[in-house]
C-alpha atoms as a PDB file:
ATOM      1  CA  UNK A   1       0.000   0.000   0.000  1.00  0.00           C
ATOM      2  CA  UNK A   2       1.310   3.372  -0.875  1.00  0.00           C
ATOM      3  CA  UNK A   3       1.402   6.279   1.528  1.00  0.00           C
ATOM      4  CA  UNK A   4      -1.517   8.653   1.371  1.00  0.00           C
ATOM      5  CA  UNK A   5      -0.985  11.741  -0.714  1.00  0.00           C
ATOM      6  CA  UNK A   6      -1.495  14.953   1.138  1.00  0.00           C
ATOM      7  CA  UNK A   7      -2.667  17.650  -1.179  1.00  0.00           C
ATOM      8  CA  UNK A   8      -0.620  20.856  -1.053  1.00  0.00           C
ATOM      9  CA  UNK A   9      -2.573  24.016  -0.556  1.00  0.00           C
ATOM     10  CA  UNK A  10      -2.888  26.113  -3.643  1.00  0.00           C
ATOM     11  CA  UNK A  11      -0.383  28.931  -3.846  1.00  0.00           C
ATOM     12  CA  UNK A  12      -1.983  32.309  -3.654  1.00  0.00           C
ATOM     13  CA  UNK A  13      -1.788  34.429  -6.723  1.00  0.00           C
ATOM     14  CA  UNK A  14       1.129  36.867  -6.630  1.00  0.00           C
ATOM     15  CA  UNK A  15       0.299  40.223  -5.049  1.00  0.00           C
ATOM     16  CA  UNK A  16       0.660  43.053  -7.397  1.00  0.00           C
ATOM     17  CA  UNK A  17       1.422  46.276  -5.606  1.00  0.00           C
ATOM     18  CA  UNK A  18       1.082  49.296  -7.640  1.00  0.00           C
ATOM     19  CA  UNK A  19       4.384  51.164  -7.896  1.00  0.00           C
ATOM     20  CA  UNK A  20       2.758  54.456  -6.866  1.00  0.00           C
ATOM     21  CA  UNK A  21       1.543  53.045  -3.540  1.00  0.00           C
ATOM     22  CA  UNK A  22       4.929  51.432  -2.860  1.00  0.00           C
ATOM     23  CA  UNK A  23       6.746  54.670  -3.648  1.00  0.00           C
ATOM     24  CA  UNK A  24       4.450  56.572  -1.264  1.00  0.00           C
ATOM     25  CA  UNK A  25       5.072  54.012   1.495  1.00  0.00           C
ATOM     26  CA  UNK A  26       8.818  54.190   0.861  1.00  0.00           C
ATOM     27  CA  UNK A  27       8.760  57.960   1.034  1.00  0.00           C
ATOM     28  CA  UNK A  28       6.804  57.918   4.296  1.00  0.00           C
ATOM     29  CA  UNK A  29       9.178  55.431   5.892  1.00  0.00           C
ATOM     30  CA  UNK A  30      12.194  57.272   4.532  1.00  0.00           C
ATOM     31  CA  UNK A  31      10.777  60.571   5.747  1.00  0.00           C
ATOM     32  CA  UNK A  32      10.261  59.129   9.213  1.00  0.00           C
ATOM     33  CA  UNK A  33      13.726  57.595   9.362  1.00  0.00           C
ATOM     34  CA  UNK A  34      15.518  60.620   7.982  1.00  0.00           C
ATOM     35  CA  UNK A  35      13.425  63.230   9.706  1.00  0.00           C
ATOM     36  CA  UNK A  36      15.270  66.467   9.924  1.00  0.00           C
ATOM     37  CA  UNK A  37      14.614  68.415  13.062  1.00  0.00           C
ATOM     38  CA  UNK A  38      14.184  72.131  12.837  1.00  0.00           C
ATOM     39  CA  UNK A  39      16.154  74.206  15.285  1.00  0.00           C
ATOM     40  CA  UNK A  40      13.907  75.452  18.063  1.00  0.00           C
ATOM     41  CA  UNK A  41      13.502  79.207  17.989  1.00  0.00           C
ATOM     42  CA  UNK A  42      15.167  81.069  20.834  1.00  0.00           C
ATOM     43  CA  UNK A  43      13.035  82.518  23.611  1.00  0.00           C
ATOM     44  CA  UNK A  44      14.858  85.810  23.090  1.00  0.00           C
ATOM     45  CA  UNK A  45      13.904  88.372  20.466  1.00  0.00           C
ATOM     46  CA  UNK A  46      16.739  90.783  19.742  1.00  0.00           C
ATOM     47  CA  UNK A  47      15.482  94.292  18.887  1.00  0.00           C
ATOM     48  CA  UNK A  48      15.467  94.804  15.113  1.00  0.00           C
ATOM     49  CA  UNK A  49      18.025  97.608  15.112  1.00  0.00           C
ATOM     50  CA  UNK A  50      20.450  95.520  17.177  1.00  0.00           C
ATOM     51  CA  UNK A  51      20.075  92.183  15.398  1.00  0.00           C
ATOM     52  CA  UNK A  52      23.313  92.470  13.408  1.00  0.00           C
ATOM     53  CA  UNK A  53      25.651  93.208  16.287  1.00  0.00           C
ATOM     54  CA  UNK A  54      29.010  91.496  16.215  1.00  0.00           C
ATOM     55  CA  UNK A  55      30.064  89.477  19.251  1.00  0.00           C
ATOM     56  CA  UNK A  56      33.729  88.556  19.450  1.00  0.00           C
ATOM     57  CA  UNK A  57      34.804  85.006  20.350  1.00  0.00           C
ATOM     58  CA  UNK A  58      36.924  86.495  23.161  1.00  0.00           C
ATOM     59  CA  UNK A  59      33.816  88.015  24.748  1.00  0.00           C
ATOM     60  CA  UNK A  60      31.928  84.720  24.476  1.00  0.00           C
ATOM     61  CA  UNK A  61      34.895  82.877  26.023  1.00  0.00           C
ATOM     62  CA  UNK A  62      35.083  85.374  28.871  1.00  0.00           C
ATOM     63  CA  UNK A  63      31.452  84.718  29.766  1.00  0.00           C
ATOM     64  CA  UNK A  64      31.555  80.941  29.318  1.00  0.00           C
ATOM     65  CA  UNK A  65      34.779  80.594  31.310  1.00  0.00           C
ATOM     66  CA  UNK A  66      34.150  83.073  34.124  1.00  0.00           C
ATOM     67  CA  UNK A  67      30.479  83.942  34.507  1.00  0.00           C
ATOM     68  CA  UNK A  68      28.413  80.775  34.361  1.00  0.00           C
ATOM     69  CA  UNK A  69      25.365  79.567  36.258  1.00  0.00           C
ATOM     70  CA  UNK A  70      24.107  75.975  36.307  1.00  0.00           C
ATOM     71  CA  UNK A  71      21.145  76.244  38.664  1.00  0.00           C
ATOM     72  CA  UNK A  72      22.802  74.409  41.562  1.00  0.00           C
ATOM     73  CA  UNK A  73      21.301  75.238  44.955  1.00  0.00           C
ATOM     74  CA  UNK A  74      24.605  76.678  46.216  1.00  0.00           C
ATOM     75  CA  UNK A  75      24.700  79.247  43.406  1.00  0.00           C
ATOM     76  CA  UNK A  76      23.336  82.738  43.923  1.00  0.00           C
ATOM     77  CA  UNK A  77      21.130  83.863  41.006  1.00  0.00           C
ATOM     78  CA  UNK A  78      21.289  87.539  42.044  1.00  0.00           C
ATOM     79  CA  UNK A  79      25.072  87.386  42.130  1.00  0.00           C
ATOM     80  CA  UNK A  80      25.077  85.764  38.703  1.00  0.00           C
ATOM     81  CA  UNK A  81      22.917  88.542  37.256  1.00  0.00           C
ATOM     82  CA  UNK A  82      25.099  91.249  38.848  1.00  0.00           C
ATOM     83  CA  UNK A  83      28.330  89.728  37.554  1.00  0.00           C
ATOM     84  CA  UNK A  84      26.830  89.024  34.143  1.00  0.00           C
ATOM     85  CA  UNK A  85      25.554  92.603  33.793  1.00  0.00           C
ATOM     86  CA  UNK A  86      28.894  94.039  34.894  1.00  0.00           C
ATOM     87  CA  UNK A  87      30.809  92.081  32.262  1.00  0.00           C
ATOM     88  CA  UNK A  88      28.268  92.967  29.573  1.00  0.00           C
ATOM     89  CA  UNK A  89      28.651  96.628  30.538  1.00  0.00           C
ATOM     90  CA  UNK A  90      32.292  96.426  29.433  1.00  0.00           C
ATOM     91  CA  UNK A  91      31.112  95.792  25.879  1.00  0.00           C
ATOM     92  CA  UNK A  92      29.800  99.161  24.821  1.00  0.00           C
ATOM     93  CA  UNK A  93      28.691 100.081  21.346  1.00  0.00           C
ATOM     94  CA  UNK A  94      27.176 103.364  20.200  1.00  0.00           C
ATOM     95  CA  UNK A  95      24.825 101.477  17.875  1.00  0.00           C
ATOM     96  CA  UNK A  96      23.796  98.551  20.113  1.00  0.00           C
ATOM     97  CA  UNK A  97      21.667  98.825  23.259  1.00  0.00           C
ATOM     98  CA  UNK A  98      22.721  97.329  26.592  1.00  0.00           C
ATOM     99  CA  UNK A  99      19.535  95.230  26.508  1.00  0.00           C
ATOM    100  CA  UNK A 100      20.497  93.700  23.167  1.00  0.00           C
ATOM    101  CA  UNK A 101      23.979  92.755  24.392  1.00  0.00           C
ATOM    102  CA  UNK A 102      22.611  91.152  27.557  1.00  0.00           C
ATOM    103  CA  UNK A 103      19.798  89.357  25.737  1.00  0.00           C
ATOM    104  CA  UNK A 104      22.197  88.005  23.117  1.00  0.00           C
ATOM    105  CA  UNK A 105      24.851  86.874  25.594  1.00  0.00           C
ATOM    106  CA  UNK A 106      22.763  85.457  28.452  1.00  0.00           C
ATOM    107  CA  UNK A 107      22.456  81.948  27.028  1.00  0.00           C
ATOM    108  CA  UNK A 108      26.268  81.689  26.986  1.00  0.00           C
ATOM    109  CA  UNK A 109      26.314  82.210  30.763  1.00  0.00           C
ATOM    110  CA  UNK A 110      24.182  79.144  31.491  1.00  0.00           C
ATOM    111  CA  UNK A 111      25.251  75.528  31.920  1.00  0.00           C
ATOM    112  CA  UNK A 112      23.537  72.206  32.615  1.00  0.00           C
ATOM    113  CA  UNK A 113      20.025  72.411  34.027  1.00  0.00           C
ATOM    114  CA  UNK A 114      19.899  76.192  33.728  1.00  0.00           C
ATOM    115  CA  UNK A 115      20.807  75.995  30.044  1.00  0.00           C
ATOM    116  CA  UNK A 116      18.195  73.294  29.502  1.00  0.00           C
ATOM    117  CA  UNK A 117      15.567  75.430  31.289  1.00  0.00           C
ATOM    118  CA  UNK A 118      16.450  78.451  29.127  1.00  0.00           C
ATOM    119  CA  UNK A 119      16.300  76.474  25.877  1.00  0.00           C
ATOM    120  CA  UNK A 120      12.815  75.245  26.778  1.00  0.00           C
ATOM    121  CA  UNK A 121      11.282  78.653  27.423  1.00  0.00           C
ATOM    122  CA  UNK A 122       8.511  79.640  25.025  1.00  0.00           C
ATOM    123  CA  UNK A 123      10.081  80.682  21.709  1.00  0.00           C
ATOM    124  CA  UNK A 124      10.232  84.437  21.085  1.00  0.00           C
ATOM    125  CA  UNK A 125       8.685  85.224  24.487  1.00  0.00           C
ATOM    126  CA  UNK A 126      11.360  87.571  25.871  1.00  0.00           C
ATOM    127  CA  UNK A 127      11.918  90.970  24.308  1.00  0.00           C
ATOM    128  CA  UNK A 128      13.619  93.077  27.006  1.00  0.00           C
ATOM    129  CA  UNK A 129      16.313  92.447  29.606  1.00  0.00           C
ATOM    130  CA  UNK A 130      14.173  93.134  32.692  1.00  0.00           C
ATOM    131  CA  UNK A 131      11.706  90.498  31.443  1.00  0.00           C
ATOM    132  CA  UNK A 132      14.548  87.961  31.201  1.00  0.00           C
ATOM    133  CA  UNK A 133      15.802  88.915  34.679  1.00  0.00           C
ATOM    134  CA  UNK A 134      12.321  88.411  36.147  1.00  0.00           C
ATOM    135  CA  UNK A 135      11.857  85.051  34.399  1.00  0.00           C
ATOM    136  CA  UNK A 136      15.281  83.900  35.620  1.00  0.00           C
ATOM    137  CA  UNK A 137      14.681  85.027  39.209  1.00  0.00           C
ATOM    138  CA  UNK A 138      11.186  83.518  39.259  1.00  0.00           C
ATOM    139  CA  UNK A 139      12.830  80.191  38.460  1.00  0.00           C
ATOM    140  CA  UNK A 140      15.998  80.352  40.568  1.00  0.00           C
ATOM    141  CA  UNK A 141      15.084  82.789  43.348  1.00  0.00           C
ATOM    142  CA  UNK A 142      11.533  81.837  44.363  1.00  0.00           C
ATOM    143  CA  UNK A 143       9.639  83.744  47.082  1.00  0.00           C
ATOM    144  CA  UNK A 144      10.520  81.183  49.778  1.00  0.00           C
ATOM    145  CA  UNK A 145      14.221  81.790  49.183  1.00  0.00           C
ATOM    146  CA  UNK A 146      13.705  85.567  49.245  1.00  0.00           C
ATOM    147  CA  UNK A 147      11.770  85.325  52.515  1.00  0.00           C
ATOM    148  CA  UNK A 148      14.564  83.284  54.090  1.00  0.00           C
ATOM    149  CA  UNK A 149      17.108  85.939  53.123  1.00  0.00           C
ATOM    150  CA  UNK A 150      14.859  88.732  54.389  1.00  0.00           C
ATOM    151  CA  UNK A 151      14.576  86.876  57.688  1.00  0.00           C
ATOM    152  CA  UNK A 152      18.389  86.657  57.907  1.00  0.00           C
ATOM    153  CA  UNK A 153      18.493  90.445  57.532  1.00  0.00           C
ATOM    154  CA  UNK A 154      15.850  91.354  60.110  1.00  0.00           C
ATOM    155  CA  UNK A 155      17.203  88.860  62.680  1.00  0.00           C
ATOM    156  CA  UNK A 156      20.837  89.902  62.202  1.00  0.00           C
ATOM    157  CA  UNK A 157      23.083  89.472  65.261  1.00  0.00           C
ATOM    158  CA  UNK A 158      26.789  90.137  65.600  1.00  0.00           C
ATOM    159  CA  UNK A 159      28.705  86.916  66.304  1.00  0.00           C
ATOM    160  CA  UNK A 160      30.657  86.616  69.584  1.00  0.00           C
ATOM    161  CA  UNK A 161      34.075  86.562  67.913  1.00  0.00           C
ATOM    162  CA  UNK A 162      33.180  89.071  65.173  1.00  0.00           C
ATOM    163  CA  UNK A 163      34.545  92.614  65.113  1.00  0.00           C
ATOM    164  CA  UNK A 164      32.248  95.541  64.366  1.00  0.00           C
ATOM    165  CA  UNK A 165      33.799  95.906  60.905  1.00  0.00           C
ATOM    166  CA  UNK A 166      33.339  92.200  60.160  1.00  0.00           C
ATOM    167  CA  UNK A 167      29.727  92.337  61.362  1.00  0.00           C
ATOM    168  CA  UNK A 168      29.034  95.363  59.151  1.00  0.00           C
ATOM    169  CA  UNK A 169      30.586  93.640  56.120  1.00  0.00           C
ATOM    170  CA  UNK A 170      28.551  90.484  56.738  1.00  0.00           C
ATOM    171  CA  UNK A 171      25.375  92.544  57.144  1.00  0.00           C
ATOM    172  CA  UNK A 172      26.041  94.427  53.886  1.00  0.00           C
ATOM    173  CA  UNK A 173      26.549  91.064  52.163  1.00  0.00           C
ATOM    174  CA  UNK A 174      23.137  89.903  53.434  1.00  0.00           C
ATOM    175  CA  UNK A 175      21.565  93.080  52.057  1.00  0.00           C
ATOM    176  CA  UNK A 176      23.289  92.670  48.708  1.00  0.00           C
ATOM    177  CA  UNK A 177      22.165  89.034  48.419  1.00  0.00           C
ATOM    178  CA  UNK A 178      18.538  90.117  48.858  1.00  0.00           C
ATOM    179  CA  UNK A 179      17.951  93.273  46.799  1.00  0.00           C
ATOM    180  CA  UNK A 180      14.188  92.800  47.165  1.00  0.00           C
ATOM    181  CA  UNK A 181      14.278  93.283  50.967  1.00  0.00           C
ATOM    182  CA  UNK A 182      12.285  96.526  50.656  1.00  0.00           C
ATOM    183  CA  UNK A 183      13.727  98.080  53.819  1.00  0.00           C
ATOM    184  CA  UNK A 184      14.114 101.846  54.141  1.00  0.00           C
ATOM    185  CA  UNK A 185      17.646 103.105  54.873  1.00  0.00           C
ATOM    186  CA  UNK A 186      16.736 104.078  58.444  1.00  0.00           C
ATOM    187  CA  UNK A 187      15.375 100.573  59.052  1.00  0.00           C
ATOM    188  CA  UNK A 188      18.520  98.939  57.651  1.00  0.00           C
ATOM    189  CA  UNK A 189      20.669 100.943  60.088  1.00  0.00           C
ATOM    190  CA  UNK A 190      18.294 100.316  62.988  1.00  0.00           C
ATOM    191  CA  UNK A 191      18.384  96.537  62.458  1.00  0.00           C
ATOM    192  CA  UNK A 192      22.177  96.590  62.349  1.00  0.00           C
ATOM    193  CA  UNK A 193      22.539  98.618  65.566  1.00  0.00           C
ATOM    194  CA  UNK A 194      20.019  96.419  67.365  1.00  0.00           C
ATOM    195  CA  UNK A 195      22.038  93.390  66.284  1.00  0.00           C
ATOM    196  CA  UNK A 196      25.392  94.515  67.691  1.00  0.00           C
END
């Protein structure tokens, strides 16, 4: 007896894919694989009259090597803004505003998390320096931090081993680190004298 013959299933007819559909699928896949990303627009808008200012590599290097801020908790955002503004003030131009210089250079002063934060601000949302300062301080100098510094000022006490001059210098440093303290001059002096 011969083995039973198992019929083979019929082969399906060949699929004919129209070349146009295949080309469209190829283009879609290729487009997805080779997607080019557009550069994200900066959050800063340089004033039209100042847009063509020339920044020297030496000036950029000075900021990136000496005046950087990463957002670490030990860093002082007010101090960063003061130092940054002072270095930008050395670059004077009769045709370029101070705002434009600061707006253009600020991104070079940021590293790490602070740089990432800055790059993710809403594109074209900042048009003047004081707006950038406020945005920066809102992020890195929140009200709780300001209140803590204000408390350090109003509860100032001279240390046991501290001379009068050292106490005054420390007190002035507290005042400088909290420019939003809002104290009148007479009150500043009164707090100091009550603390010595």
